[in-house]
């Protein structure tokens, strides 16, 4: 009995790069959480880490659904480590943050997949799937800018607690979102010099990100132009028989094929144009019948 080969969910290079960068970024957040931070900054980092956990849980569910049998991914590809590394952190279970170390398995697996691709294959895939790469790069850029900007603005504005109106992680998250989307709601704004410099950088980044998102949506809504169909090739109609080449001076012109065939059959074509053998035979038979009829007719008396 033949053993059935396991089937695993396969992803494109763009998705693998997205997963690799997101895993590295999540590990960086885990490293920052080990630093001595205030509670507001820690809560903000935990929020972003839990958002990444949701993305990884969706990735785990997609991989499990596309695997046959399920143990091929869960055991063979160490999917159980992906599941453990995707468990969100809860305030009543602080030790769950240690599960983030299981993401190293995902990092090693994706890095191995991308390591087997040569440079020419990567360049060809980027040119072929430009829209997919643009989408993932835009999502990564928006998430990373929002995370870094909100943390920085919270740190800078905390230096001026009397005049600052961005005091909590929720304020920083709201300010980062409305600034990145170029809305500028105005209820939260930086008052320190470093905070305003951060805001200028976020504004410039937001213009590029929103423009990229608009381009991606436009490319999805507008159907691609169809290539013009090639017209069917029509064979040229013959104008007429090719004229025979002129015979050289002093040489006798070759007899026409029909005349030659008639002469070979032993029939006389008369003063008319030469005819094929079958027609000449029919004409000869008609002549014989006409001669027999004339002979059978009674002759008038003298």
Protein backbone atom coordinates (compact mmCIF):
# COMPACT_ATOMS: atom_id res chain seq x y z
CA UNK A 1 0.00 0.00 0.00
CA UNK A 2 1.51 3.34 -1.07
CA UNK A 3 2.09 5.91 1.66
CA UNK A 4 0.25 9.17 0.96
CA UNK A 5 2.60 12.13 0.69
CA UNK A 6 1.73 14.89 3.19
CA UNK A 7 0.44 18.15 1.76
CA UNK A 8 1.44 21.44 3.39
CA UNK A 9 0.17 24.95 2.82
CA UNK A 10 2.61 26.77 0.57
CA UNK A 11 3.04 30.54 0.65
CA UNK A 12 4.67 32.92 -1.78
CA UNK A 13 8.01 34.59 -1.25
CA UNK A 14 6.34 37.92 -0.45
CA UNK A 15 4.28 36.37 2.35
CA UNK A 16 7.32 34.58 3.76
CA UNK A 17 9.28 37.84 3.82
CA UNK A 18 6.34 39.53 5.54
CA UNK A 19 6.23 36.78 8.18
CA UNK A 20 10.01 36.93 8.67
CA UNK A 21 10.08 40.71 9.21
CA UNK A 22 7.03 40.61 11.47
CA UNK A 23 8.63 37.85 13.58
CA UNK A 24 11.83 39.84 13.98
CA UNK A 25 9.84 42.93 14.91
CA UNK A 26 7.84 41.00 17.51
CA UNK A 27 11.05 39.66 19.04
CA UNK A 28 12.37 43.22 19.19
CA UNK A 29 9.24 44.28 21.09
CA UNK A 30 9.78 41.39 23.49
CA UNK A 31 13.33 42.60 24.07
CA UNK A 32 12.16 46.17 24.76
CA UNK A 33 9.66 44.83 27.29
CA UNK A 34 12.58 43.52 29.32
CA UNK A 35 13.81 47.08 29.90
CA UNK A 36 12.76 49.11 32.96
CA UNK A 37 9.81 51.06 31.50
CA UNK A 38 6.87 52.91 32.98
CA UNK A 39 3.53 51.17 33.08
CA UNK A 40 1.97 53.23 30.27
CA UNK A 41 4.77 52.34 27.83
CA UNK A 42 4.63 48.71 28.88
CA UNK A 43 0.86 48.60 28.30
CA UNK A 44 1.31 50.13 24.85
CA UNK A 45 3.97 47.59 23.88
CA UNK A 46 1.80 44.76 25.18
CA UNK A 47 -1.06 45.99 22.99
CA UNK A 48 1.11 45.89 19.86
CA UNK A 49 2.47 42.48 20.83
CA UNK A 50 -1.05 41.09 21.22
CA UNK A 51 -1.99 42.52 17.80
CA UNK A 52 0.93 40.60 16.28
CA UNK A 53 -0.25 37.49 18.16
CA UNK A 54 -3.61 37.75 16.39
CA UNK A 55 -1.85 37.82 13.00
CA UNK A 56 0.22 34.78 13.93
CA UNK A 57 -2.88 32.92 15.14
CA UNK A 58 -4.52 33.53 11.76
CA UNK A 59 -1.37 32.24 10.05
CA UNK A 60 -1.44 29.12 12.24
CA UNK A 61 -5.10 28.47 11.42
CA UNK A 62 -4.47 28.86 7.67
CA UNK A 63 -1.51 26.48 7.79
CA UNK A 64 -3.48 23.91 9.76
CA UNK A 65 -6.44 24.11 7.39
CA UNK A 66 -4.21 23.58 4.36
CA UNK A 67 -2.29 20.60 5.76
CA UNK A 68 -3.24 16.99 5.06
CA UNK A 69 -2.86 15.28 7.43
CA UNK A 70 -2.89 17.90 10.18
CA UNK A 71 0.00 16.33 12.03
CA UNK A 72 2.25 16.98 9.04
CA UNK A 73 2.28 20.66 10.01
CA UNK A 74 1.51 20.45 13.71
CA UNK A 75 4.24 17.89 14.44
CA UNK A 76 6.46 17.70 11.35
CA UNK A 77 6.76 21.46 10.84
CA UNK A 78 6.60 22.24 14.59
CA UNK A 79 3.28 24.00 14.28
CA UNK A 80 2.71 23.51 17.99
CA UNK A 81 5.52 26.00 18.61
CA UNK A 82 3.79 28.48 16.32
CA UNK A 83 0.64 28.05 18.40
CA UNK A 84 2.47 28.59 21.69
CA UNK A 85 4.24 31.68 20.34
CA UNK A 86 0.92 33.16 19.25
CA UNK A 87 -0.83 33.12 22.64
CA UNK A 88 -1.62 36.72 23.65
CA UNK A 89 -0.47 38.13 26.97
CA UNK A 90 -3.03 38.68 29.70
CA UNK A 91 -2.69 40.77 32.82
CA UNK A 92 -3.70 37.83 35.02
CA UNK A 93 -1.21 35.52 33.25
CA UNK A 94 2.01 37.52 32.97
CA UNK A 95 4.20 34.46 32.41
CA UNK A 96 2.65 33.91 28.97
CA UNK A 97 5.16 36.48 27.66
CA UNK A 98 7.80 33.74 27.89
CA UNK A 99 5.96 31.88 25.13
CA UNK A 100 7.28 34.48 22.66
CA UNK A 101 10.54 32.53 22.56
CA UNK A 102 8.71 29.85 20.58
CA UNK A 103 8.66 32.33 17.66
CA UNK A 104 12.32 31.49 17.09
CA UNK A 105 11.10 28.25 15.50
CA UNK A 106 9.02 30.23 12.98
CA UNK A 107 11.98 32.50 12.34
CA UNK A 108 14.27 29.53 11.63
CA UNK A 109 11.73 27.81 9.34
CA UNK A 110 10.97 30.89 7.25
CA UNK A 111 14.65 31.81 7.08
CA UNK A 112 15.45 28.34 5.78
CA UNK A 113 12.77 28.65 3.08
CA UNK A 114 14.06 32.00 1.91
CA UNK A 115 17.67 30.87 2.14
CA UNK A 116 17.08 28.32 -0.61
CA UNK A 117 16.10 31.03 -3.12
CA UNK A 118 18.80 32.55 -5.27
CA UNK A 119 18.94 36.23 -6.12
CA UNK A 120 17.67 35.80 -9.66
CA UNK A 121 14.56 33.97 -8.42
CA UNK A 122 13.85 36.70 -5.86
CA UNK A 123 14.19 39.46 -8.45
CA UNK A 124 11.94 37.61 -10.89
CA UNK A 125 9.32 37.04 -8.17
CA UNK A 126 9.37 40.72 -7.18
CA UNK A 127 8.82 41.79 -10.79
CA UNK A 128 6.03 39.26 -11.30
CA UNK A 129 4.15 39.96 -8.02
CA UNK A 130 4.71 43.68 -7.57
CA UNK A 131 1.22 44.28 -6.18
CA UNK A 132 1.60 41.62 -3.49
CA UNK A 133 4.97 42.98 -2.39
CA UNK A 134 3.62 46.53 -2.31
CA UNK A 135 0.71 45.46 -0.11
CA UNK A 136 2.86 43.67 2.45
CA UNK A 137 5.47 46.44 2.52
CA UNK A 138 2.77 49.06 3.08
CA UNK A 139 1.18 47.10 5.94
CA UNK A 140 4.55 46.50 7.59
CA UNK A 141 5.56 50.14 7.20
CA UNK A 142 2.30 51.41 8.69
CA UNK A 143 2.53 49.07 11.68
CA UNK A 144 6.17 49.78 12.40
CA UNK A 145 5.81 53.56 12.06
CA UNK A 146 2.74 53.56 14.30
CA UNK A 147 4.48 51.47 16.96
CA UNK A 148 7.74 53.39 17.05
CA UNK A 149 6.11 56.83 16.81
CA UNK A 150 3.59 56.22 19.59
CA UNK A 151 6.29 54.91 21.95
CA UNK A 152 8.63 57.80 21.19
CA UNK A 153 5.94 60.44 21.57
CA UNK A 154 4.93 58.98 24.91
CA UNK A 155 8.53 59.13 26.12
CA UNK A 156 9.13 62.68 24.90
CA UNK A 157 5.87 64.13 26.15
CA UNK A 158 6.32 62.59 29.59
CA UNK A 159 9.21 65.00 30.14
CA UNK A 160 6.79 67.93 30.30
CA UNK A 161 3.89 66.61 32.37
CA UNK A 162 2.49 70.08 33.09
CA UNK A 163 1.85 71.13 29.47
CA UNK A 164 1.63 67.76 27.70
CA UNK A 165 -1.76 66.37 26.75
CA UNK A 166 -0.39 62.98 25.62
CA UNK A 167 0.03 61.24 28.94
CA UNK A 168 -1.12 57.62 28.52
CA UNK A 169 -0.54 54.83 26.07
CA UNK A 170 -4.08 55.22 24.76
CA UNK A 171 -3.42 58.91 24.03
CA UNK A 172 -0.22 58.04 22.18
CA UNK A 173 -1.97 55.34 20.16
CA UNK A 174 -4.80 57.68 19.18
CA UNK A 175 -2.37 60.48 18.26
CA UNK A 176 -0.22 58.12 16.18
CA UNK A 177 -3.22 56.77 14.28
CA UNK A 178 -4.76 60.13 13.38
CA UNK A 179 -1.36 61.59 12.44
CA UNK A 180 -0.34 58.62 10.33
CA UNK A 181 -3.60 58.76 8.39
CA UNK A 182 -3.03 62.51 7.82
CA UNK A 183 -6.37 63.30 9.50
CA UNK A 184 -4.98 65.44 12.30
CA UNK A 185 -7.94 65.38 14.69
CA UNK A 186 -6.27 67.97 16.92
CA UNK A 187 -7.37 66.84 20.38
CA UNK A 188 -3.92 65.33 21.08
CA UNK A 189 -0.72 67.07 19.93
CA UNK A 190 2.93 67.20 21.03
CA UNK A 191 4.30 70.22 22.90
CA UNK A 192 7.98 69.28 23.22
CA UNK A 193 10.58 69.87 20.51
CA UNK A 194 11.43 66.16 20.11
CA UNK A 195 7.74 65.32 20.09
CA UNK A 196 7.04 67.76 17.27
CA UNK A 197 10.02 66.46 15.32
CA UNK A 198 8.57 62.96 15.67
CA UNK A 199 5.22 64.28 14.48
CA UNK A 200 6.82 65.76 11.32
CA UNK A 201 8.43 62.39 10.51
CA UNK A 202 5.10 60.60 11.02
CA UNK A 203 3.33 63.09 8.73
CA UNK A 204 5.78 62.51 5.90
CA UNK A 205 5.55 58.74 6.37
CA UNK A 206 1.75 58.95 6.44
CA UNK A 207 1.62 60.77 3.11
CA UNK A 208 3.62 57.99 1.45
CA UNK A 209 1.71 55.16 3.14
CA UNK A 210 -1.73 56.58 2.35
CA UNK A 211 -0.66 57.21 -1.25
CA UNK A 212 0.56 53.62 -1.56
CA UNK A 213 -2.69 52.28 -0.11
CA UNK A 214 -4.71 54.40 -2.54
CA UNK A 215 -2.67 53.05 -5.45
CA UNK A 216 -3.16 49.46 -4.30
CA UNK A 217 -6.92 49.93 -3.95
CA UNK A 218 -7.10 51.57 -7.37
CA UNK A 219 -5.23 48.66 -8.97
CA UNK A 220 -7.69 46.23 -7.36
CA UNK A 221 -10.78 48.10 -8.51
CA UNK A 222 -9.65 48.86 -12.06
CA UNK A 223 -9.45 45.69 -14.21
CA UNK A 224 -6.21 45.21 -16.14
CA UNK A 225 -6.20 46.19 -19.78
CA UNK A 226 -6.80 43.30 -22.14
CA UNK A 227 -4.20 42.59 -24.75
CA UNK A 228 -5.44 43.04 -28.33
CA UNK A 229 -6.20 39.75 -30.00
CA UNK A 230 -4.14 38.92 -33.03
CA UNK A 231 -6.06 38.88 -36.29
CA UNK A 232 -6.33 35.42 -37.89
CA UNK A 233 -3.98 34.87 -40.74
CA UNK A 234 -5.73 34.69 -44.11
CA UNK A 235 -4.00 32.91 -46.95
CA UNK A 236 -3.71 35.16 -50.04
CA UNK A 237 -5.99 34.16 -52.86
CA UNK A 238 -4.22 33.19 -56.06
CA UNK A 239 -4.67 35.82 -58.75
CA UNK A 240 -4.18 33.42 -61.62
CA UNK A 241 -1.80 30.87 -63.10
CA UNK A 242 1.75 31.97 -63.28
CA UNK A 243 2.85 32.97 -66.69
CA UNK A 244 5.42 30.63 -68.16
CA UNK A 245 8.90 31.94 -68.56
CA UNK A 246 9.78 33.01 -72.11
CA UNK A 247 11.66 30.41 -74.07
CA UNK A 248 15.19 31.32 -75.20
CA UNK A 249 15.72 32.39 -78.76
CA UNK A 250 16.21 29.49 -81.14
CA UNK A 251 14.62 26.89 -78.87
CA UNK A 252 11.29 25.28 -79.61
CA UNK A 253 8.55 26.06 -77.16
CA UNK A 254 7.45 23.05 -75.08
CA UNK A 255 4.06 21.66 -75.92
CA UNK A 256 1.24 22.26 -73.42
CA UNK A 257 0.59 19.37 -71.03
CA UNK A 258 -2.97 18.80 -72.31
CA UNK A 259 -1.81 18.69 -75.96
CA UNK A 260 0.98 16.29 -75.12
CA UNK A 261 -1.45 13.99 -73.28
CA UNK A 262 -3.88 14.09 -76.21
CA UNK A 263 -1.16 13.20 -78.68
CA UNK A 264 -0.03 10.34 -76.44
CA UNK A 265 -3.59 8.97 -76.40
CA UNK A 266 -3.73 8.95 -80.18
CA UNK A 267 -6.66 11.37 -80.56
CA UNK A 268 -6.92 14.42 -82.76
CA UNK A 269 -7.83 17.70 -81.14
CA UNK A 270 -8.76 19.42 -84.39
CA UNK A 271 -8.47 23.18 -84.76
CA UNK A 272 -9.76 23.79 -81.25
CA UNK A 273 -7.77 24.19 -78.08
CA UNK A 274 -6.25 21.03 -76.61
CA UNK A 275 -8.48 19.12 -74.22
CA UNK A 276 -7.80 16.48 -71.57
CA UNK A 277 -7.72 12.75 -72.41
CA UNK A 278 -11.17 11.93 -70.95
CA UNK A 279 -12.88 14.68 -72.96
CA UNK A 280 -11.07 13.66 -76.15
CA UNK A 281 -12.22 10.07 -75.66
CA UNK A 282 -15.83 11.18 -75.23
CA UNK A 283 -15.64 13.31 -78.37
CA UNK A 284 -14.29 10.40 -80.38
CA UNK A 285 -17.12 8.18 -79.15
CA UNK A 286 -19.68 10.80 -80.15
CA UNK A 287 -18.19 11.08 -83.61
CA UNK A 288 -18.48 7.33 -84.08
CA UNK A 289 -22.15 7.34 -82.96
CA UNK A 290 -22.95 10.21 -85.34
CA UNK A 291 -21.27 8.38 -88.23
CA UNK A 292 -23.25 5.20 -87.46
CA UNK A 293 -26.52 7.16 -87.40
CA UNK A 294 -25.75 8.76 -90.75
CA UNK A 295 -25.02 5.33 -92.25
CA UNK A 296 -28.35 3.98 -90.94
CA UNK A 297 -30.43 6.72 -92.54
CA UNK A 298 -32.09 5.78 -95.90
CA UNK A 299 -30.59 7.49 -98.90
CA UNK A 300 -32.95 9.51 -101.18
CA UNK A 301 -33.63 7.97 -104.64
CA UNK A 302 -31.52 9.26 -107.51
